[in-house]
Each structure stands twice: as structure tokens, then as C-alpha cells.
Amino acid sequence: MKFPPLASVMLCLTALCSAQGAVAQAQGVTKDQILIGSILDLSGPLAGYGKDTRNGLLLRFSEANEQGGVAGRKIKLLIEDSGYDPKRGVLAAQKLVGQDKVFLMVANTGTAINQAVIPMQEAKNVMNFFPMALGRDLYEPVSKHKFAFQASYFETMQKLVPRLYRDKKATRACAIYQDDDFGLEVMRGTEAGLKSISVEVAERATFKRGATDFSSQVAKLKAANCDFVAMGTLIRETVGVINEARKLGFSPVLMTAAPAYTDLVPKLGGKSMDGLYSVMTAQQPYDDDASPPIRRWAQKYRTAYNESPTVFSVYGYSIADSLVRALDKAGPSLSTDTLAKAIEASSFPSDMFGTPEMAFSPTNHLGTTQARLSQLQDGRWKVVVDYAQLK
């Protein structure tokens, strides 16, 4: 019997191994599908964020699938509800990452939720893409598993608090914030920003997550004669603090971090919310917006969901659009490594909603450090300090 030369055998074995490697796929990726997970708050204090973020994600992924998907693969999104509870968030991640075996997680909502689940994702080589949270540890230290699309609460408050404080000629700065990682980031950014203009925080007040009574905290700030108050508050908490301030005849300049930039604040609080300032990037898409592209997009959203979109619908849609672009750039050989390299070599243009241009690199996994400032005027958010005015 004649045997083939050893070189031929080795060549065949190498080809066989290469073929097997080509067949092997990353978790959640098949020849015709990419399985993606998201942990949103659909039943807790951020349920207003969660529902609209979900709708925005689904709308963009549906558009991509209608156009044939990405590299021939359709996107399937699995969503779990955290109720804005880190313990429930961990259970949700265990299901999505360990049981459903998603390829990546997108738009996970809440700083505390993300901090609780990222270690599990990293252990399973599952990327955390553009979380709906702005903590610095969501993009630092640099890791192939962490990419964020907006600057942290710390950075945005550090930049915008001193600008508004000086513009309003305020003389006594104070702060009220949620006693958790989110609130502490807002507080630290506020302190750093004020320190840059040689101002100290004169008084602080905190509250527990889920609080509904802010009478003692607001009374404390009023007694301290604050004329400027930075707020680390979400939706209901923002409304509650402002209503308590109005009740006590307390009228400082009030400024919140980005989570309070939502149409739900004036809807829940009414006219008394006018005057509030908030950090923001993408704008609230009002039905009568002067921009034809936004009007057309809003109509498509209403047709799909029978309701008007919000800024969190915009966030969901824009995050999904960025992910579709990144997946397309990664190409057919999709893995966490190839996707990370594709993002690191990418820039994402500003969109019709005013989201700033984003750019990444191997040493930078934060898309942008830009933010701007809006104020509630007659129940509608209006940009009062734009990107260019902060340069």
C-alpha cells in the first residue's frame, strides 16, 4: 500500500483544521442570525426610559432585517426586565449570557445594573455595547468588552455646572443626589467643576433610591441659602424635588444630569417644571419639529407603536444604528475580537437628532466627551448652550 507523502498529510490536516475553525462561530452567532441581549427597566422607576429605548432598538433592527440583515444574518433582540434592581439585573444577565447565550449586550440601562453585570459578561467574552448609563467605569479601563457612546455624569457635570453657575451669577452652590453610584458620580463631577472656578459646594442632601419624600432634603438646602442646586435625580425624583421647592417658595437655579432630560418630567410635573436645566445630547423629537427628517422618523415610529417617540426612543434607535454599522464593518467573520477591532477603527457621524460625532481607537472606548444644555420653557426642552459654545 502506498501512503501519501508526509507533507501532503500535514497540508490536508492544516486545511481540515482551518475549515473547522471557519465553521466555528462565536456564541450567539449562526450563519443566519445574531442574537443580542438587553437589560432594561420595564417595571421600576426608569420604566419610562426602558419602554422607549426598547422601541427604538427594535425599530432600527427591524429596518436592518428588512434590508437583509448584516452580512446575511438577521438580528434577534432578547430583552429582560431589571426593574432597576441590580440583583434582578444579575439574574437577567445570567439568563441572557449563560442560558440564551447572546453574542453581545446592548443599551443595558442603569449604572448600578451595568456595574453588576459587566464582570459576568467579561468572563463569557460578551461585549457591553453602548450602555444607557454614564459611569466612567463603563469604558475605563479600556477593554474589548466595554464601549460607551456618551461621556460620564462626572465629565458632563464637570464641564457644564461651572458654565451655568457663572452665567447665572450664582453665589452659593449646593447639591441633592441619589445615594448610589449614579448620584455620587453626579456629585463628584459637580464638585470638580465648581472647584475649577474656585467655588465649594456649601451644602449637600442625599436620598435613597426609590424615595418619594424630599421635604427634609429641600428644607436643608433652603436653610443653607443655596441659589444654585445641582441634582443627581431621575424622573420622579426630579419632579418631587422641584415640587417641594416650589411649595417652600425656594427658587434656586436647578440643574440636573442627563437622565432627567425627558418629556416625562414636564408631563408629570406640569408648569412648575419650567426653568429646569439639564445636560443632554440628542434632542427630544417633538411631533411638530421643524426638521423634515425628524418629522418623518417620528411618523414612522408612531405608525409602529401608536405613540409619539421620546428622547429615549432616539437613544435606542441611534444605539442600534451604531451597532448595525459596527457589525457591518466587522464583516462575516464575526466575533467579539473582530467587532472590537471594527469599532476601534470607526467613527460615527452626527445624526438628525443632534447626537455628536463619535470616534473610537484602541486606546479610547468612549465615543464622545461632548454634551450641551437645555432648559424647560413652556413645557418644552430648548437648547440654551450648544456644543460649539463650550469649546
Protein backbone atom coordinates (compact mmCIF):
# COMPACT_ATOMS: atom_id res chain seq x y z
CA MET A 1 0.00 0.00 0.00
CA LYS A 2 1.35 3.45 -0.92
CA PHE A 3 0.92 6.26 1.57
CA PRO A 4 0.90 9.96 0.60
CA PRO A 5 3.98 11.97 1.47
CA LEU A 6 4.09 13.39 4.99
CA ALA A 7 3.94 16.94 3.64
CA SER A 8 0.67 16.14 1.87
CA VAL A 9 -0.80 14.67 5.05
CA MET A 10 0.17 17.77 7.03
CA LEU A 11 -1.30 20.01 4.35
CA CYS A 12 -4.58 18.13 4.48
CA LEU A 13 -4.68 18.29 8.27
CA THR A 14 -4.00 22.03 8.18
CA ALA A 15 -6.78 22.55 5.65
CA LEU A 16 -9.14 20.45 7.75
CA CYS A 17 -8.33 22.43 10.89
CA SER A 18 -8.80 25.69 9.00
CA ALA A 19 -12.15 24.54 7.70
CA GLN A 20 -13.28 23.56 11.18
CA GLY A 21 -12.16 26.93 12.52
CA ALA A 22 -14.13 28.68 9.81
CA VAL A 23 -17.24 26.73 10.75
CA ALA A 24 -16.90 27.55 14.45
CA GLN A 25 -18.93 30.61 15.43
CA ALA A 26 -18.91 32.97 18.37
CA GLN A 27 -21.63 32.49 20.98
CA GLY A 28 -24.93 33.83 19.66
CA VAL A 29 -23.80 33.90 16.02
CA THR A 30 -25.02 31.45 13.37
CA LYS A 31 -24.86 31.59 9.61
CA ASP A 32 -28.22 33.40 9.50
CA GLN A 33 -28.70 35.09 12.92
CA ILE A 34 -27.04 37.33 15.52
CA LEU A 35 -28.56 37.01 18.97
CA ILE A 36 -28.36 40.18 21.04
CA GLY A 37 -29.49 40.84 24.61
CA SER A 38 -30.56 43.93 26.53
CA ILE A 39 -31.40 44.54 30.19
CA LEU A 40 -33.92 47.37 30.52
CA ASP A 41 -36.11 48.69 33.31
CA LEU A 42 -39.65 47.92 32.21
CA SER A 43 -41.34 47.91 35.62
CA GLY A 44 -39.34 50.14 38.00
CA PRO A 45 -38.59 53.87 38.35
CA LEU A 46 -36.97 54.01 34.90
CA ALA A 47 -39.75 52.14 33.09
CA GLY A 48 -40.42 55.24 31.00
CA TYR A 49 -36.84 55.04 29.75
CA GLY A 50 -36.93 51.30 29.22
CA LYS A 51 -40.05 51.01 27.08
CA ASP A 52 -39.00 53.76 24.71
CA THR A 53 -35.41 52.52 24.48
CA ARG A 54 -36.76 49.07 23.61
CA ASN A 55 -38.99 50.51 20.87
CA GLY A 56 -36.10 52.48 19.37
CA LEU A 57 -33.84 49.43 19.34
CA LEU A 58 -36.49 47.24 17.74
CA LEU A 59 -37.35 49.83 15.09
CA ARG A 60 -33.76 50.09 13.84
CA PHE A 61 -33.09 46.35 14.00
CA SER A 62 -36.33 45.74 12.09
CA GLU A 63 -35.15 48.14 9.37
CA ALA A 64 -31.82 46.31 9.15
CA ASN A 65 -33.54 42.93 8.92
CA GLU A 66 -35.88 44.18 6.19
CA GLN A 67 -32.78 45.10 4.20
CA GLY A 68 -31.35 41.58 4.52
CA GLY A 69 -29.66 41.84 7.89
CA VAL A 70 -25.90 42.19 8.42
CA ALA A 71 -23.67 40.00 6.25
CA GLY A 72 -26.73 37.83 5.58
CA ARG A 73 -27.57 37.47 9.28
CA LYS A 74 -30.80 38.75 10.81
CA ILE A 75 -30.64 40.42 14.22
CA LYS A 76 -32.76 38.97 17.03
CA LEU A 77 -33.11 41.00 20.23
CA LEU A 78 -33.89 39.38 23.59
CA ILE A 79 -34.93 41.73 26.41
CA GLU A 80 -35.04 41.16 30.17
CA ASP A 81 -36.54 43.48 32.80
CA SER A 82 -34.33 44.54 35.73
CA GLY A 83 -36.86 46.75 37.49
CA TYR A 84 -33.81 48.99 38.11
CA ASP A 85 -32.64 46.50 40.73
CA PRO A 86 -29.01 45.27 40.46
CA LYS A 87 -29.95 41.86 41.87
CA ARG A 88 -32.60 41.39 39.19
CA GLY A 89 -30.12 42.71 36.66
CA VAL A 90 -27.65 39.96 37.57
CA LEU A 91 -30.37 37.33 37.17
CA ALA A 92 -31.29 38.82 33.80
CA ALA A 93 -27.66 38.70 32.69
CA GLN A 94 -27.31 35.10 33.84
CA LYS A 95 -30.27 34.19 31.64
CA LEU A 96 -29.19 36.16 28.58
CA VAL A 97 -25.48 35.40 28.73
CA GLY A 98 -25.45 31.94 30.28
CA GLN A 99 -28.74 30.41 29.15
CA ASP A 100 -29.77 32.20 25.95
CA LYS A 101 -26.09 32.67 25.00
CA VAL A 102 -26.35 36.08 23.36
CA PHE A 103 -23.44 37.41 21.31
CA LEU A 104 -23.42 40.82 22.99
CA MET A 105 -25.43 43.10 25.27
CA VAL A 106 -26.70 46.46 24.06
CA ALA A 107 -28.16 49.51 25.84
CA ASN A 108 -28.19 47.95 29.32
CA THR A 109 -29.90 50.58 31.46
CA GLY A 110 -28.66 51.93 34.78
CA THR A 111 -25.16 52.50 36.14
CA ALA A 112 -25.60 50.08 39.04
CA ILE A 113 -27.04 47.42 36.71
CA ASN A 114 -24.11 47.66 34.32
CA GLN A 115 -21.55 47.58 37.11
CA ALA A 116 -23.18 44.43 38.47
CA VAL A 117 -23.29 42.51 35.17
CA ILE A 118 -20.12 43.53 33.30
CA PRO A 119 -17.85 41.09 35.21
CA MET A 120 -20.12 38.22 34.12
CA GLN A 121 -20.07 39.41 30.53
CA GLU A 122 -16.30 39.71 30.50
CA ALA A 123 -15.96 36.18 31.88
CA LYS A 124 -18.09 34.91 28.97
CA ASN A 125 -16.43 37.14 26.32
CA VAL A 126 -19.69 39.07 25.77
CA MET A 127 -19.35 42.76 24.87
CA ASN A 128 -21.24 45.53 26.68
CA PHE A 129 -22.12 47.89 23.80
CA PHE A 130 -23.25 51.47 24.42
CA PRO A 131 -24.96 51.12 27.83
CA MET A 132 -27.72 53.53 28.80
CA ALA A 133 -25.61 54.69 31.72
CA LEU A 134 -22.78 57.18 32.01
CA GLY A 135 -20.35 55.86 34.60
CA ARG A 136 -16.64 56.17 33.82
CA ASP A 137 -16.03 52.51 34.61
CA LEU A 138 -18.26 51.57 31.66
CA TYR A 139 -15.41 52.45 29.30
CA GLU A 140 -12.37 52.55 31.60
CA PRO A 141 -10.03 50.77 31.80
CA VAL A 142 -10.05 50.04 28.07
CA SER A 143 -11.33 46.54 27.32
CA LYS A 144 -12.65 44.80 24.23
CA HIS A 145 -15.81 44.16 26.26
CA LYS A 146 -16.67 47.82 27.01
CA PHE A 147 -17.68 50.59 24.59
CA ALA A 148 -19.69 53.68 25.60
CA PHE A 149 -21.28 56.36 23.47
CA GLN A 150 -21.55 59.32 25.83
CA ALA A 151 -19.35 60.99 28.41
CA SER A 152 -19.87 60.16 32.06
CA TYR A 153 -22.02 62.05 34.54
CA PHE A 154 -18.76 63.21 36.10
CA GLU A 155 -17.38 64.69 32.87
CA THR A 156 -20.60 66.37 31.73
CA MET A 157 -21.36 67.93 35.11
CA GLN A 158 -17.72 68.97 35.48
CA LYS A 159 -17.99 70.82 32.17
CA LEU A 160 -21.49 72.32 32.36
CA VAL A 161 -22.04 73.14 36.04
CA PRO A 162 -19.42 75.94 36.18
CA ARG A 163 -20.68 77.34 32.88
CA LEU A 164 -24.26 77.69 34.14
CA TYR A 165 -23.15 78.81 37.61
CA ARG A 166 -21.21 81.72 36.14
CA ASP A 167 -23.88 82.57 33.55
CA LYS A 168 -26.48 82.85 36.31
CA LYS A 169 -24.12 84.82 38.57
CA ALA A 170 -24.88 82.40 41.37
CA THR A 171 -23.16 82.83 44.73
CA ARG A 172 -23.90 79.69 46.77
CA ALA A 173 -23.80 76.22 45.22
CA CYS A 174 -25.46 73.13 46.71
CA ALA A 175 -26.36 69.63 45.57
CA ILE A 176 -29.01 66.96 46.07
CA TYR A 177 -28.37 63.46 44.77
CA GLN A 178 -29.37 59.81 44.91
CA ASP A 179 -27.23 57.90 47.38
CA ASP A 180 -25.74 55.39 44.93
CA ASP A 181 -23.08 55.19 42.21
CA PHE A 182 -25.12 57.33 39.82
CA GLY A 183 -25.67 60.10 42.36
CA LEU A 184 -22.08 60.02 43.56
CA GLU A 185 -20.78 60.45 40.00
CA VAL A 186 -23.04 63.48 39.56
CA MET A 187 -21.85 64.90 42.88
CA ARG A 188 -18.18 64.34 42.16
CA GLY A 189 -18.49 65.96 38.72
CA THR A 190 -20.29 68.91 40.28
CA GLU A 191 -17.55 69.33 42.90
CA ALA A 192 -14.78 69.11 40.31
CA GLY A 193 -16.47 71.61 38.01
CA LEU A 194 -17.06 74.13 40.78
CA LYS A 195 -13.53 73.69 42.09
CA SER A 196 -12.24 74.73 38.65
CA ILE A 197 -13.77 78.17 39.26
CA SER A 198 -12.77 78.25 42.96
CA VAL A 199 -16.25 77.51 44.31
CA GLU A 200 -17.04 74.99 47.06
CA VAL A 201 -20.29 73.05 47.49
CA ALA A 202 -21.90 74.74 50.50
CA GLU A 203 -24.47 72.05 51.34
CA ARG A 204 -25.36 68.52 50.29
CA ALA A 205 -28.52 66.45 50.65
CA THR A 206 -29.00 62.79 49.72
CA PHE A 207 -31.90 60.38 49.31
CA LYS A 208 -32.26 56.64 48.87
CA ARG A 209 -33.15 55.03 45.55
CA GLY A 210 -36.94 54.94 45.19
CA ALA A 211 -37.57 57.79 47.66
CA THR A 212 -40.76 59.83 47.26
CA ASP A 213 -40.49 62.35 50.12
CA PHE A 214 -37.89 65.09 49.74
CA SER A 215 -39.18 67.59 52.29
CA SER A 216 -36.28 67.38 54.73
CA GLN A 217 -33.65 67.48 52.00
CA VAL A 218 -35.15 70.53 50.27
CA ALA A 219 -35.66 72.31 53.60
CA LYS A 220 -31.98 71.71 54.36
CA LEU A 221 -30.93 73.31 51.08
CA LYS A 222 -33.25 76.27 51.58
CA ALA A 223 -31.88 76.84 55.07
CA ALA A 224 -28.38 76.93 53.57
CA ASN A 225 -29.46 79.84 51.31
CA CYS A 226 -28.50 77.97 48.13
CA ASP A 227 -29.12 79.87 44.90
CA PHE A 228 -27.78 77.06 42.66
CA VAL A 229 -28.59 73.36 43.11
CA ALA A 230 -27.06 70.54 41.06
CA MET A 231 -29.33 67.49 41.04
CA GLY A 232 -28.42 63.81 40.74
CA THR A 233 -32.05 62.83 40.20
CA LEU A 234 -34.06 60.65 37.81
CA ILE A 235 -37.62 61.27 36.60
CA ARG A 236 -39.91 61.05 39.64
CA GLU A 237 -37.19 62.34 41.94
CA THR A 238 -36.67 65.43 39.79
CA VAL A 239 -40.37 66.20 39.86
CA GLY A 240 -40.58 65.53 43.60
CA VAL A 241 -37.64 67.79 44.48
CA ILE A 242 -38.89 70.66 42.32
CA ASN A 243 -42.45 70.43 43.62
CA GLU A 244 -41.16 70.51 47.20
CA ALA A 245 -39.01 73.54 46.38
CA ARG A 246 -41.98 75.37 44.86
CA LYS A 247 -44.07 74.52 47.94
CA LEU A 248 -41.44 76.11 50.20
CA GLY A 249 -41.00 79.18 47.98
CA PHE A 250 -37.45 78.08 47.26
CA SER A 251 -36.31 79.21 43.79
CA PRO A 252 -32.64 78.46 43.09
CA VAL A 253 -31.23 77.69 39.66
CA LEU A 254 -31.87 73.93 39.27
CA MET A 255 -29.69 71.77 37.02
CA THR A 256 -29.86 68.01 36.51
CA ALA A 257 -27.64 65.40 34.91
CA ALA A 258 -28.70 63.79 31.62
CA PRO A 259 -31.22 61.20 32.95
CA ALA A 260 -33.74 63.95 33.74
CA TYR A 261 -33.74 65.22 30.16
CA THR A 262 -37.05 63.63 29.20
CA ASP A 263 -40.54 64.77 28.26
CA LEU A 264 -41.82 62.78 31.24
CA VAL A 265 -40.62 65.49 33.64
CA PRO A 266 -42.97 68.22 32.32
CA LYS A 267 -45.71 65.65 31.69
CA LEU A 268 -45.63 64.53 35.33
CA GLY A 269 -44.77 67.87 36.94
CA GLY A 270 -46.58 70.35 34.76
CA LYS A 271 -45.87 74.07 34.61
CA SER A 272 -43.83 74.09 37.81
CA MET A 273 -41.02 72.25 35.98
CA ASP A 274 -40.36 75.28 33.76
CA GLY A 275 -36.92 76.77 34.30
CA LEU A 276 -35.16 73.45 34.95
CA TYR A 277 -31.83 72.98 33.19
CA SER A 278 -30.50 69.58 32.09
CA VAL A 279 -27.42 68.12 30.46
CA MET A 280 -28.28 66.48 27.13
CA THR A 281 -27.01 65.47 23.68
CA ALA A 282 -29.75 64.08 21.40
CA GLN A 283 -32.86 66.23 21.38
CA GLN A 284 -36.43 65.39 22.30
CA PRO A 285 -38.21 64.67 18.95
CA TYR A 286 -41.37 66.78 19.14
CA ASP A 287 -44.13 65.94 16.67
CA ASP A 288 -44.06 69.43 15.13
CA ASP A 289 -40.27 69.63 14.93
CA ALA A 290 -39.09 71.96 12.19
CA SER A 291 -36.76 69.29 10.78
CA PRO A 292 -38.45 67.25 7.99
CA PRO A 293 -36.25 64.14 8.63
CA ILE A 294 -37.22 64.10 12.32
CA ARG A 295 -40.91 64.55 11.45
CA ARG A 296 -40.73 61.64 9.01
CA TRP A 297 -38.94 59.46 11.54
CA ALA A 298 -41.45 60.36 14.27
CA GLN A 299 -44.31 59.42 11.93
CA LYS A 300 -42.71 56.04 11.24
CA TYR A 301 -42.32 55.49 14.98
CA ARG A 302 -45.97 56.42 15.64
CA THR A 303 -47.10 54.03 12.92
CA ALA A 304 -45.12 51.22 14.54
CA TYR A 305 -46.06 51.87 18.19
CA ASN A 306 -49.17 54.08 18.12
CA GLU A 307 -47.49 56.73 20.27
CA SER A 308 -45.08 59.60 19.87
CA PRO A 309 -41.35 58.97 20.35
CA THR A 310 -39.26 60.40 23.17
CA VAL A 311 -35.58 61.13 23.51
CA PHE A 312 -35.13 57.60 24.86
CA SER A 313 -36.69 56.24 21.67
CA VAL A 314 -33.99 58.26 19.90
CA TYR A 315 -31.26 56.79 22.11
CA GLY A 316 -32.45 53.25 21.39
CA TYR A 317 -32.64 53.90 17.66
CA SER A 318 -29.24 55.65 17.49
CA ILE A 319 -27.51 52.96 19.57
CA ALA A 320 -28.97 50.24 17.34
CA ASP A 321 -27.90 52.16 14.22
CA SER A 322 -24.33 52.41 15.51
CA LEU A 323 -24.31 48.69 16.28
CA VAL A 324 -25.58 47.80 12.80
CA ARG A 325 -22.79 49.92 11.30
CA ALA A 326 -20.18 48.26 13.51
CA LEU A 327 -21.43 44.74 12.76
CA ASP A 328 -21.36 45.50 9.06
CA LYS A 329 -17.78 46.74 9.32
CA ALA A 330 -16.75 43.61 11.28
CA GLY A 331 -17.89 41.51 8.30
CA PRO A 332 -18.86 37.85 8.01
CA SER A 333 -16.19 36.52 10.41
CA LEU A 334 -17.97 37.91 13.44
CA SER A 335 -16.52 37.57 16.93
CA THR A 336 -16.00 39.80 19.94
CA ASP A 337 -12.43 40.40 18.75
CA THR A 338 -13.35 41.32 15.17
CA LEU A 339 -16.21 43.55 16.35
CA ALA A 340 -13.99 45.33 18.90
CA LYS A 341 -11.36 45.99 16.23
CA ALA A 342 -14.04 47.26 13.85
CA ILE A 343 -15.35 49.72 16.46
CA GLU A 344 -11.83 50.87 17.34
CA ALA A 345 -11.32 51.80 13.69
CA SER A 346 -14.71 53.52 13.37
CA SER A 347 -16.25 56.94 13.60
CA PHE A 348 -19.99 57.52 13.65
CA PRO A 349 -21.37 60.75 12.15
CA SER A 350 -23.66 63.18 13.93
CA ASP A 351 -27.28 62.32 13.23
CA MET A 352 -30.51 64.25 12.67
CA PHE A 353 -31.21 64.29 16.41
CA GLY A 354 -28.08 66.28 17.21
CA THR A 355 -26.07 63.41 18.65
CA PRO A 356 -22.41 64.46 18.40
CA GLU A 357 -19.97 62.66 16.13
CA MET A 358 -18.31 59.70 17.83
CA ALA A 359 -14.84 58.26 17.23
CA PHE A 360 -13.02 55.33 18.85
CA SER A 361 -9.48 53.95 18.88
CA PRO A 362 -7.54 51.08 20.51
CA THR A 363 -6.85 53.38 23.47
CA ASN A 364 -10.23 55.15 23.64
CA HIS A 365 -13.54 53.32 24.03
CA LEU A 366 -15.66 56.43 24.70
CA GLY A 367 -17.32 57.83 21.60
CA THR A 368 -17.54 61.49 22.62
CA THR A 369 -16.96 63.83 25.53
CA GLN A 370 -19.36 66.45 24.19
CA ALA A 371 -22.62 67.49 25.81
CA ARG A 372 -24.89 70.51 25.78
CA LEU A 373 -27.52 72.15 27.99
CA SER A 374 -31.28 72.54 27.60
CA GLN A 375 -33.93 74.32 29.64
CA LEU A 376 -37.63 73.62 30.06
CA GLN A 377 -39.54 76.58 28.65
CA ASP A 378 -43.34 76.39 28.45
CA GLY A 379 -43.20 72.63 28.90
CA ARG A 380 -40.68 72.01 26.10
CA TRP A 381 -36.94 71.47 26.16
CA LYS A 382 -34.93 74.15 24.38
CA VAL A 383 -31.17 74.05 23.80
CA VAL A 384 -29.59 77.04 25.57
CA VAL A 385 -25.87 76.11 25.46
CA ASP A 386 -24.84 74.17 22.35
CA TYR A 387 -21.69 72.16 21.68
CA ALA A 388 -19.82 74.95 19.91
CA GLN A 389 -20.43 77.34 22.82
CA LEU A 390 -18.43 75.06 25.14
CA LYS A 391 -15.25 74.96 23.07
